[in-house]
Amino acid sequence: TAARLAAARTEPDDLAQLRRTAEELTQAADSAARSRVYGRFHVELA
């Protein structure tokens, strides 16, 4: 639901934080950091 609404309500510039978080996941070395970033992505999507 969050993704559907975000697609209807956001402008490209509003997605900068989501992009940073997605890239941060690729840099997260340990599983604890990865799970935190993963969860944060879904919070930021909402």
All heavy atoms as atom14 arrays in JSON, in Angstrom:
{
  "sequence": "TAARLAAARTEPDDLAQLRRTAEELTQAADSAARSRVYGRFHVELA",
  "atom14_mask": [
    [1, 1, 1, 1, 1, 1, 1, 0, 0, 0, 0, 0, 0, 0],
    [1, 1, 1, 1, 1, 0, 0, 0, 0, 0, 0, 0, 0, 0],
    [1, 1, 1, 1, 1, 0, 0, 0, 0, 0, 0, 0, 0, 0],
    [1, 1, 1, 1, 1, 1, 1, 1, 1, 1, 1, 0, 0, 0],
    [1, 1, 1, 1, 1, 1, 1, 1, 0, 0, 0, 0, 0, 0],
    [1, 1, 1, 1, 1, 0, 0, 0, 0, 0, 0, 0, 0, 0],
    [1, 1, 1, 1, 1, 0, 0, 0, 0, 0, 0, 0, 0, 0],
    [1, 1, 1, 1, 1, 0, 0, 0, 0, 0, 0, 0, 0, 0],
    [1, 1, 1, 1, 1, 1, 1, 1, 1, 1, 1, 0, 0, 0],
    [1, 1, 1, 1, 1, 1, 1, 0, 0, 0, 0, 0, 0, 0],
    [1, 1, 1, 1, 1, 1, 1, 1, 1, 0, 0, 0, 0, 0],
    [1, 1, 1, 1, 1, 1, 1, 0, 0, 0, 0, 0, 0, 0],
    [1, 1, 1, 1, 1, 1, 1, 1, 0, 0, 0, 0, 0, 0],
    [1, 1, 1, 1, 1, 1, 1, 1, 0, 0, 0, 0, 0, 0],
    [1, 1, 1, 1, 1, 1, 1, 1, 0, 0, 0, 0, 0, 0],
    [1, 1, 1, 1, 1, 0, 0, 0, 0, 0, 0, 0, 0, 0],
    [1, 1, 1, 1, 1, 1, 1, 1, 1, 0, 0, 0, 0, 0],
    [1, 1, 1, 1, 1, 1, 1, 1, 0, 0, 0, 0, 0, 0],
    [1, 1, 1, 1, 1, 1, 1, 1, 1, 1, 1, 0, 0, 0],
    [1, 1, 1, 1, 1, 1, 1, 1, 1, 1, 1, 0, 0, 0],
    [1, 1, 1, 1, 1, 1, 1, 0, 0, 0, 0, 0, 0, 0],
    [1, 1, 1, 1, 1, 0, 0, 0, 0, 0, 0, 0, 0, 0],
    [1, 1, 1, 1, 1, 1, 1, 1, 1, 0, 0, 0, 0, 0],
    [1, 1, 1, 1, 1, 1, 1, 1, 1, 0, 0, 0, 0, 0],
    [1, 1, 1, 1, 1, 1, 1, 1, 0, 0, 0, 0, 0, 0],
    [1, 1, 1, 1, 1, 1, 1, 0, 0, 0, 0, 0, 0, 0],
    [1, 1, 1, 1, 1, 1, 1, 1, 1, 0, 0, 0, 0, 0],
    [1, 1, 1, 1, 1, 0, 0, 0, 0, 0, 0, 0, 0, 0],
    [1, 1, 1, 1, 1, 0, 0, 0, 0, 0, 0, 0, 0, 0],
    [1, 1, 1, 1, 1, 1, 1, 1, 0, 0, 0, 0, 0, 0],
    [1, 1, 1, 1, 1, 1, 0, 0, 0, 0, 0, 0, 0, 0],
    [1, 1, 1, 1, 1, 0, 0, 0, 0, 0, 0, 0, 0, 0],
    [1, 1, 1, 1, 1, 0, 0, 0, 0, 0, 0, 0, 0, 0],
    [1, 1, 1, 1, 1, 1, 1, 1, 1, 1, 1, 0, 0, 0],
    [1, 1, 1, 1, 1, 1, 0, 0, 0, 0, 0, 0, 0, 0],
    [1, 1, 1, 1, 1, 1, 1, 1, 1, 1, 1, 0, 0, 0],
    [1, 1, 1, 1, 1, 1, 1, 0, 0, 0, 0, 0, 0, 0],
    [1, 1, 1, 1, 1, 1, 1, 1, 1, 1, 1, 1, 0, 0],
    [1, 1, 1, 1, 0, 0, 0, 0, 0, 0, 0, 0, 0, 0],
    [1, 1, 1, 1, 1, 1, 1, 1, 1, 1, 1, 0, 0, 0],
    [1, 1, 1, 1, 1, 1, 1, 1, 1, 1, 1, 0, 0, 0],
    [1, 1, 1, 1, 1, 1, 1, 1, 1, 1, 0, 0, 0, 0],
    [1, 1, 1, 1, 1, 1, 1, 0, 0, 0, 0, 0, 0, 0],
    [1, 1, 1, 1, 1, 1, 1, 1, 1, 0, 0, 0, 0, 0],
    [1, 1, 1, 1, 1, 1, 1, 1, 0, 0, 0, 0, 0, 0],
    [1, 1, 1, 1, 1, 0, 0, 0, 0, 0, 0, 0, 0, 0]
  ],
  "atom14_positions": [
    [[0.83, -1.2, 0.0], [0.0, 0.0, 0.0], [0.87, 1.26, 0.0], [0.59, 2.23, -0.71], [-0.92, 0.0, 1.23], [-1.8, -1.13, 1.16], [-1.76, 1.28, 1.28], [0.0, 0.0, 0.0], [0.0, 0.0, 0.0], [0.0, 0.0, 0.0], [0.0, 0.0, 0.0], [0.0, 0.0, 0.0], [0.0, 0.0, 0.0], [0.0, 0.0, 0.0]],
    [[1.94, 1.23, 0.81], [2.84, 2.39, 0.86], [3.45, 2.65, -0.51], [3.54, 3.81, -0.96], [3.93, 2.15, 1.9], [0.0, 0.0, 0.0], [0.0, 0.0, 0.0], [0.0, 0.0, 0.0], [0.0, 0.0, 0.0], [0.0, 0.0, 0.0], [0.0, 0.0, 0.0], [0.0, 0.0, 0.0], [0.0, 0.0, 0.0], [0.0, 0.0, 0.0]],
    [[3.9, 1.62, -1.19], [4.52, 1.78, -2.51], [3.51, 2.34, -3.51], [3.84, 3.23, -4.32], [5.08, 0.45, -3.0], [0.0, 0.0, 0.0], [0.0, 0.0, 0.0], [0.0, 0.0, 0.0], [0.0, 0.0, 0.0], [0.0, 0.0, 0.0], [0.0, 0.0, 0.0], [0.0, 0.0, 0.0], [0.0, 0.0, 0.0], [0.0, 0.0, 0.0]],
    [[2.28, 1.83, -3.47], [1.25, 2.31, -4.4], [0.96, 3.79, -4.16], [0.88, 4.58, -5.1], [-0.02, 1.49, -4.23], [-1.17, 1.93, -5.12], [-2.38, 1.02, -4.97], [-2.88, 0.96, -3.61], [-3.65, 1.89, -3.05], [-4.0, 2.97, -3.75], [-4.08, 1.76, -1.82], [0.0, 0.0, 0.0], [0.0, 0.0, 0.0], [0.0, 0.0, 0.0]],
    [[0.82, 4.17, -2.89], [0.52, 5.56, -2.57], [1.71, 6.47, -2.89], [1.53, 7.6, -3.36], [0.14, 5.7, -1.1], [-1.2, 5.07, -0.71], [-1.39, 5.15, 0.8], [-2.36, 5.75, -1.44], [0.0, 0.0, 0.0], [0.0, 0.0, 0.0], [0.0, 0.0, 0.0], [0.0, 0.0, 0.0], [0.0, 0.0, 0.0], [0.0, 0.0, 0.0]],
    [[2.93, 5.98, -2.62], [4.12, 6.78, -2.92], [4.21, 7.06, -4.41], [4.59, 8.16, -4.83], [5.37, 6.07, -2.43], [0.0, 0.0, 0.0], [0.0, 0.0, 0.0], [0.0, 0.0, 0.0], [0.0, 0.0, 0.0], [0.0, 0.0, 0.0], [0.0, 0.0, 0.0], [0.0, 0.0, 0.0], [0.0, 0.0, 0.0], [0.0, 0.0, 0.0]],
    [[3.85, 6.07, -5.22], [3.89, 6.25, -6.67], [2.9, 7.33, -7.12], [3.13, 8.0, -8.12], [3.58, 4.93, -7.38], [0.0, 0.0, 0.0], [0.0, 0.0, 0.0], [0.0, 0.0, 0.0], [0.0, 0.0, 0.0], [0.0, 0.0, 0.0], [0.0, 0.0, 0.0], [0.0, 0.0, 0.0], [0.0, 0.0, 0.0], [0.0, 0.0, 0.0]],
    [[1.83, 7.49, -6.35], [0.82, 8.49, -6.71], [1.13, 9.86, -6.15], [0.67, 10.88, -6.71], [-0.55, 8.03, -6.2], [0.0, 0.0, 0.0], [0.0, 0.0, 0.0], [0.0, 0.0, 0.0], [0.0, 0.0, 0.0], [0.0, 0.0, 0.0], [0.0, 0.0, 0.0], [0.0, 0.0, 0.0], [0.0, 0.0, 0.0], [0.0, 0.0, 0.0]],
    [[1.92, 9.92, -5.09], [2.04, 11.18, -4.34], [3.41, 11.84, -4.38], [3.53, 13.0, -3.97], [1.66, 10.93, -2.88], [0.21, 10.51, -2.68], [-0.06, 10.12, -1.24], [-1.47, 9.8, -1.02], [-1.98, 9.34, 0.12], [-1.16, 9.15, 1.16], [-3.25, 9.07, 0.23], [0.0, 0.0, 0.0], [0.0, 0.0, 0.0], [0.0, 0.0, 0.0]],
    [[4.44, 11.14, -4.81], [5.78, 11.71, -4.71], [6.28, 12.27, -6.04], [5.82, 11.88, -7.11], [6.8, 10.65, -4.24], [6.82, 9.57, -5.17], [6.47, 10.13, -2.87], [0.0, 0.0, 0.0], [0.0, 0.0, 0.0], [0.0, 0.0, 0.0], [0.0, 0.0, 0.0], [0.0, 0.0, 0.0], [0.0, 0.0, 0.0], [0.0, 0.0, 0.0]],
    [[7.24, 13.17, -5.91], [8.01, 13.66, -7.05], [9.38, 12.99, -7.0], [9.81, 12.52, -5.94], [8.17, 15.18, -6.96], [6.85, 15.95, -7.0], [6.14, 15.78, -8.34], [6.83, 15.58, -9.36], [4.9, 15.84, -8.35], [0.0, 0.0, 0.0], [0.0, 0.0, 0.0], [0.0, 0.0, 0.0], [0.0, 0.0, 0.0], [0.0, 0.0, 0.0]],
    [[10.09, 12.92, -8.13], [11.41, 12.26, -8.14], [12.36, 12.75, -7.06], [13.09, 11.96, -6.45], [11.94, 12.57, -9.55], [10.71, 12.69, -10.38], [9.69, 13.34, -9.48], [0.0, 0.0, 0.0], [0.0, 0.0, 0.0], [0.0, 0.0, 0.0], [0.0, 0.0, 0.0], [0.0, 0.0, 0.0], [0.0, 0.0, 0.0], [0.0, 0.0, 0.0]],
    [[12.33, 14.04, -6.77], [13.24, 14.59, -5.76], [12.91, 14.09, -4.36], [13.75, 14.17, -3.45], [13.21, 16.11, -5.78], [13.86, 16.68, -7.03], [14.56, 15.92, -7.73], [13.67, 17.89, -7.31], [0.0, 0.0, 0.0], [0.0, 0.0, 0.0], [0.0, 0.0, 0.0], [0.0, 0.0, 0.0], [0.0, 0.0, 0.0], [0.0, 0.0, 0.0]],
    [[11.67, 13.61, -4.17], [11.27, 13.13, -2.85], [11.87, 11.77, -2.52], [11.75, 11.3, -1.38], [9.74, 13.0, -2.77], [9.03, 14.34, -2.96], [9.63, 15.36, -2.58], [7.9, 14.34, -3.46], [0.0, 0.0, 0.0], [0.0, 0.0, 0.0], [0.0, 0.0, 0.0], [0.0, 0.0, 0.0], [0.0, 0.0, 0.0], [0.0, 0.0, 0.0]],
    [[12.51, 11.13, -3.5], [12.98, 9.75, -3.33], [14.46, 9.66, -3.02], [15.01, 8.55, -2.97], [12.66, 8.94, -4.59], [11.18, 8.9, -4.99], [11.02, 8.17, -6.32], [10.35, 8.24, -3.91], [0.0, 0.0, 0.0], [0.0, 0.0, 0.0], [0.0, 0.0, 0.0], [0.0, 0.0, 0.0], [0.0, 0.0, 0.0], [0.0, 0.0, 0.0]],
    [[15.09, 10.8, -2.78], [16.54, 10.79, -2.55], [16.93, 9.94, -1.36], [17.9, 9.17, -1.41], [17.04, 12.22, -2.37], [0.0, 0.0, 0.0], [0.0, 0.0, 0.0], [0.0, 0.0, 0.0], [0.0, 0.0, 0.0], [0.0, 0.0, 0.0], [0.0, 0.0, 0.0], [0.0, 0.0, 0.0], [0.0, 0.0, 0.0], [0.0, 0.0, 0.0]],
    [[16.16, 10.03, -0.25], [16.51, 9.25, 0.93], [16.34, 7.76, 0.69], [17.15, 6.95, 1.12], [15.67, 9.69, 2.13], [16.01, 8.94, 3.42], [17.46, 9.1, 3.8], [17.99, 10.21, 3.82], [18.13, 7.98, 4.09], [0.0, 0.0, 0.0], [0.0, 0.0, 0.0], [0.0, 0.0, 0.0], [0.0, 0.0, 0.0], [0.0, 0.0, 0.0]],
    [[15.28, 7.39, -0.01], [15.07, 5.97, -0.34], [16.24, 5.43, -1.17], [16.71, 4.32, -0.94], [13.77, 5.78, -1.11], [12.49, 5.55, -0.3], [11.3, 5.5, -1.24], [12.57, 4.27, 0.52], [0.0, 0.0, 0.0], [0.0, 0.0, 0.0], [0.0, 0.0, 0.0], [0.0, 0.0, 0.0], [0.0, 0.0, 0.0], [0.0, 0.0, 0.0]],
    [[16.7, 6.24, -2.12], [17.84, 5.8, -2.95], [19.09, 5.62, -2.09], [19.84, 4.66, -2.26], [18.11, 6.81, -4.06], [17.03, 6.86, -5.13], [17.5, 7.65, -6.34], [16.42, 7.79, -7.3], [15.59, 8.83, -7.34], [15.73, 9.83, -6.47], [14.64, 8.89, -8.24], [0.0, 0.0, 0.0], [0.0, 0.0, 0.0], [0.0, 0.0, 0.0]],
    [[19.33, 6.56, -1.18], [20.51, 6.44, -0.31], [20.43, 5.19, 0.55], [21.43, 4.5, 0.75], [20.63, 7.69, 0.57], [21.17, 8.92, -0.15], [21.58, 10.01, 0.82], [20.44, 10.6, 1.51], [19.76, 11.64, 1.06], [20.1, 12.21, -0.09], [18.75, 12.13, 1.74], [0.0, 0.0, 0.0], [0.0, 0.0, 0.0], [0.0, 0.0, 0.0]],
    [[19.25, 4.91, 1.06], [19.09, 3.73, 1.9], [19.29, 2.45, 1.09], [19.9, 1.49, 1.57], [17.7, 3.73, 2.57], [17.6, 4.89, 3.4], [17.49, 2.5, 3.43], [0.0, 0.0, 0.0], [0.0, 0.0, 0.0], [0.0, 0.0, 0.0], [0.0, 0.0, 0.0], [0.0, 0.0, 0.0], [0.0, 0.0, 0.0], [0.0, 0.0, 0.0]],
    [[18.77, 2.42, -0.13], [18.95, 1.25, -0.98], [20.44, 1.0, -1.25], [20.91, -0.15, -1.23], [18.2, 1.43, -2.3], [0.0, 0.0, 0.0], [0.0, 0.0, 0.0], [0.0, 0.0, 0.0], [0.0, 0.0, 0.0], [0.0, 0.0, 0.0], [0.0, 0.0, 0.0], [0.0, 0.0, 0.0], [0.0, 0.0, 0.0], [0.0, 0.0, 0.0]],
    [[21.19, 2.07, -1.47], [22.63, 1.92, -1.7], [23.36, 1.57, -0.42], [24.36, 0.84, -0.44], [23.19, 3.19, -2.32], [22.7, 3.46, -3.74], [22.85, 2.23, -4.64], [23.93, 1.63, -4.66], [21.85, 1.87, -5.29], [0.0, 0.0, 0.0], [0.0, 0.0, 0.0], [0.0, 0.0, 0.0], [0.0, 0.0, 0.0], [0.0, 0.0, 0.0]],
    [[22.87, 2.09, 0.69], [23.5, 1.78, 1.98], [23.45, 0.28, 2.27], [24.36, -0.27, 2.87], [22.8, 2.56, 3.09], [23.51, 2.51, 4.43], [22.82, 3.36, 5.48], [22.07, 4.29, 5.11], [23.02, 3.07, 6.68], [0.0, 0.0, 0.0], [0.0, 0.0, 0.0], [0.0, 0.0, 0.0], [0.0, 0.0, 0.0], [0.0, 0.0, 0.0]],
    [[22.39, -0.36, 1.81], [22.28, -1.8, 2.03], [23.42, -2.55, 1.35], [23.94, -3.54, 1.88], [20.93, -2.31, 1.5], [20.65, -3.8, 1.69], [20.68, -4.19, 3.16], [19.3, -4.17, 1.09], [0.0, 0.0, 0.0], [0.0, 0.0, 0.0], [0.0, 0.0, 0.0], [0.0, 0.0, 0.0], [0.0, 0.0, 0.0], [0.0, 0.0, 0.0]],
    [[23.84, -2.08, 0.2], [24.92, -2.77, -0.52], [26.26, -2.61, 0.2], [27.18, -3.39, -0.03], [25.07, -2.24, -1.96], [25.52, -0.87, -1.92], [23.74, -2.32, -2.7], [0.0, 0.0, 0.0], [0.0, 0.0, 0.0], [0.0, 0.0, 0.0], [0.0, 0.0, 0.0], [0.0, 0.0, 0.0], [0.0, 0.0, 0.0], [0.0, 0.0, 0.0]],
    [[26.36, -1.6, 1.08], [27.61, -1.35, 1.8], [27.6, -1.94, 3.2], [28.65, -1.99, 3.85], [27.85, 0.17, 1.91], [27.86, 0.9, 0.58], [28.95, 0.4, -0.36], [30.06, 0.12, 0.08], [28.62, 0.27, -1.64], [0.0, 0.0, 0.0], [0.0, 0.0, 0.0], [0.0, 0.0, 0.0], [0.0, 0.0, 0.0], [0.0, 0.0, 0.0]],
    [[26.44, -2.36, 3.68], [26.34, -2.87, 5.06], [27.06, -4.21, 5.16], [26.71, -5.17, 4.47], [24.87, -3.02, 5.45], [0.0, 0.0, 0.0], [0.0, 0.0, 0.0], [0.0, 0.0, 0.0], [0.0, 0.0, 0.0], [0.0, 0.0, 0.0], [0.0, 0.0, 0.0], [0.0, 0.0, 0.0], [0.0, 0.0, 0.0], [0.0, 0.0, 0.0]],
    [[28.04, -4.26, 6.04], [28.92, -5.44, 6.09], [28.35, -6.58, 6.9], [28.51, -7.75, 6.54], [30.29, -5.03, 6.65], [0.0, 0.0, 0.0], [0.0, 0.0, 0.0], [0.0, 0.0, 0.0], [0.0, 0.0, 0.0], [0.0, 0.0, 0.0], [0.0, 0.0, 0.0], [0.0, 0.0, 0.0], [0.0, 0.0, 0.0], [0.0, 0.0, 0.0]],
    [[27.69, -6.29, 8.02], [27.22, -7.37, 8.89], [25.7, -7.47, 8.83], [25.0, -6.53, 8.43], [27.69, -7.16, 10.33], [27.17, -5.86, 10.91], [26.02, -5.85, 11.41], [27.9, -4.85, 10.87], [0.0, 0.0, 0.0], [0.0, 0.0, 0.0], [0.0, 0.0, 0.0], [0.0, 0.0, 0.0], [0.0, 0.0, 0.0], [0.0, 0.0, 0.0]],
    [[25.18, -8.61, 9.25], [23.76, -8.88, 9.11], [22.91, -7.95, 9.97], [21.79, -7.61, 9.59], [23.46, -10.35, 9.45], [23.89, -10.66, 10.76], [0.0, 0.0, 0.0], [0.0, 0.0, 0.0], [0.0, 0.0, 0.0], [0.0, 0.0, 0.0], [0.0, 0.0, 0.0], [0.0, 0.0, 0.0], [0.0, 0.0, 0.0], [0.0, 0.0, 0.0]],
    [[23.42, -7.52, 11.13], [22.66, -6.61, 11.99], [22.44, -5.28, 11.29], [21.34, -4.73, 11.28], [23.37, -6.41, 13.32], [0.0, 0.0, 0.0], [0.0, 0.0, 0.0], [0.0, 0.0, 0.0], [0.0, 0.0, 0.0], [0.0, 0.0, 0.0], [0.0, 0.0, 0.0], [0.0, 0.0, 0.0], [0.0, 0.0, 0.0], [0.0, 0.0, 0.0]],
    [[23.5, -4.74, 10.68], [23.38, -3.47, 9.95], [22.44, -3.64, 8.76], [21.64, -2.76, 8.45], [24.75, -3.0, 9.49], [0.0, 0.0, 0.0], [0.0, 0.0, 0.0], [0.0, 0.0, 0.0], [0.0, 0.0, 0.0], [0.0, 0.0, 0.0], [0.0, 0.0, 0.0], [0.0, 0.0, 0.0], [0.0, 0.0, 0.0], [0.0, 0.0, 0.0]],
    [[22.54, -4.77, 8.08], [21.69, -5.01, 6.92], [20.22, -5.05, 7.31], [19.36, -4.49, 6.63], [22.08, -6.33, 6.25], [23.46, -6.3, 5.6], [23.89, -7.67, 5.1], [25.26, -7.63, 4.6], [25.9, -8.68, 4.1], [25.29, -9.86, 4.02], [27.15, -8.56, 3.67], [0.0, 0.0, 0.0], [0.0, 0.0, 0.0], [0.0, 0.0, 0.0]],
    [[19.91, -5.72, 8.41], [18.51, -5.82, 8.82], [17.96, -4.46, 9.22], [16.81, -4.14, 8.96], [18.35, -6.82, 9.98], [18.97, -6.37, 11.15], [0.0, 0.0, 0.0], [0.0, 0.0, 0.0], [0.0, 0.0, 0.0], [0.0, 0.0, 0.0], [0.0, 0.0, 0.0], [0.0, 0.0, 0.0], [0.0, 0.0, 0.0], [0.0, 0.0, 0.0]],
    [[18.81, -3.62, 9.85], [18.39, -2.28, 10.22], [18.08, -1.45, 8.98], [17.07, -0.74, 8.91], [19.46, -1.59, 11.06], [19.01, -1.28, 12.49], [19.93, -0.38, 13.25], [21.34, -0.56, 13.02], [22.14, -1.34, 13.75], [21.65, -2.05, 14.73], [23.43, -1.42, 13.48], [0.0, 0.0, 0.0], [0.0, 0.0, 0.0], [0.0, 0.0, 0.0]],
    [[18.98, -1.52, 7.99], [18.78, -0.74, 6.76], [17.57, -1.25, 5.99], [16.78, -0.46, 5.45], [20.05, -0.79, 5.88], [19.8, -0.08, 4.54], [21.22, -0.15, 6.59], [0.0, 0.0, 0.0], [0.0, 0.0, 0.0], [0.0, 0.0, 0.0], [0.0, 0.0, 0.0], [0.0, 0.0, 0.0], [0.0, 0.0, 0.0], [0.0, 0.0, 0.0]],
    [[17.41, -2.57, 5.94], [16.26, -3.17, 5.26], [14.96, -2.65, 5.87], [14.05, -2.19, 5.17], [16.36, -4.69, 5.39], [15.38, -5.51, 4.6], [15.52, -6.9, 4.54], [14.31, -4.96, 3.92], [14.65, -7.7, 3.82], [13.42, -5.74, 3.21], [13.59, -7.11, 3.17], [12.7, -7.88, 2.46], [0.0, 0.0, 0.0], [0.0, 0.0, 0.0]],
    [[14.88, -2.72, 7.2], [13.67, -2.24, 7.87], [13.45, -0.76, 7.64], [12.31, -0.31, 7.43], [0.0, 0.0, 0.0], [0.0, 0.0, 0.0], [0.0, 0.0, 0.0], [0.0, 0.0, 0.0], [0.0, 0.0, 0.0], [0.0, 0.0, 0.0], [0.0, 0.0, 0.0], [0.0, 0.0, 0.0], [0.0, 0.0, 0.0], [0.0, 0.0, 0.0]],
    [[14.54, 0.01, 7.67], [14.42, 1.45, 7.48], [13.9, 1.79, 6.09], [13.13, 2.74, 5.92], [15.77, 2.12, 7.72], [15.65, 3.62, 7.92], [16.93, 4.2, 8.47], [17.97, 4.32, 7.47], [19.21, 3.86, 7.61], [19.57, 3.23, 8.69], [20.1, 4.03, 6.65], [0.0, 0.0, 0.0], [0.0, 0.0, 0.0], [0.0, 0.0, 0.0]],
    [[14.28, 1.0, 5.09], [13.79, 1.23, 3.73], [12.26, 1.18, 3.71], [11.6, 2.04, 3.11], [14.36, 0.2, 2.76], [13.82, 0.33, 1.36], [14.42, 1.18, 0.44], [12.7, -0.39, 0.96], [13.91, 1.32, -0.85], [12.19, -0.26, -0.33], [12.8, 0.6, -1.23], [0.0, 0.0, 0.0], [0.0, 0.0, 0.0], [0.0, 0.0, 0.0]],
    [[11.71, 0.17, 4.36], [10.25, 0.01, 4.34], [9.55, 1.1, 5.15], [8.43, 1.52, 4.81], [9.87, -1.39, 4.8], [10.18, -2.44, 3.77], [9.28, -2.8, 2.8], [11.3, -3.15, 3.54], [9.84, -3.71, 2.01], [11.06, -3.93, 2.44], [0.0, 0.0, 0.0], [0.0, 0.0, 0.0], [0.0, 0.0, 0.0], [0.0, 0.0, 0.0]],
    [[10.2, 1.57, 6.21], [9.64, 2.7, 6.97], [9.66, 3.96, 6.1], [8.68, 4.71, 6.04], [10.44, 2.93, 8.26], [10.0, 4.23, 8.94], [10.26, 1.75, 9.22], [0.0, 0.0, 0.0], [0.0, 0.0, 0.0], [0.0, 0.0, 0.0], [0.0, 0.0, 0.0], [0.0, 0.0, 0.0], [0.0, 0.0, 0.0], [0.0, 0.0, 0.0]],
    [[10.76, 4.18, 5.41], [10.88, 5.38, 4.56], [9.94, 5.3, 3.36], [9.47, 6.33, 2.86], [12.33, 5.55, 4.1], [13.24, 5.99, 5.24], [14.71, 5.86, 4.9], [15.02, 5.32, 3.82], [15.53, 6.28, 5.72], [0.0, 0.0, 0.0], [0.0, 0.0, 0.0], [0.0, 0.0, 0.0], [0.0, 0.0, 0.0], [0.0, 0.0, 0.0]],
    [[9.65, 4.1, 2.9], [8.68, 3.94, 1.82], [7.31, 4.4, 2.3], [6.57, 5.08, 1.57], [8.64, 2.47, 1.38], [7.74, 2.13, 0.19], [8.17, 2.87, -1.07], [7.77, 0.61, -0.05], [0.0, 0.0, 0.0], [0.0, 0.0, 0.0], [0.0, 0.0, 0.0], [0.0, 0.0, 0.0], [0.0, 0.0, 0.0], [0.0, 0.0, 0.0]],
    [[6.96, 4.04, 3.54], [5.69, 4.49, 4.12], [5.69, 6.0, 4.28], [4.67, 6.67, 4.04], [5.44, 3.8, 5.45], [0.0, 0.0, 0.0], [0.0, 0.0, 0.0], [0.0, 0.0, 0.0], [0.0, 0.0, 0.0], [0.0, 0.0, 0.0], [0.0, 0.0, 0.0], [0.0, 0.0, 0.0], [0.0, 0.0, 0.0], [0.0, 0.0, 0.0]]
  ]
}
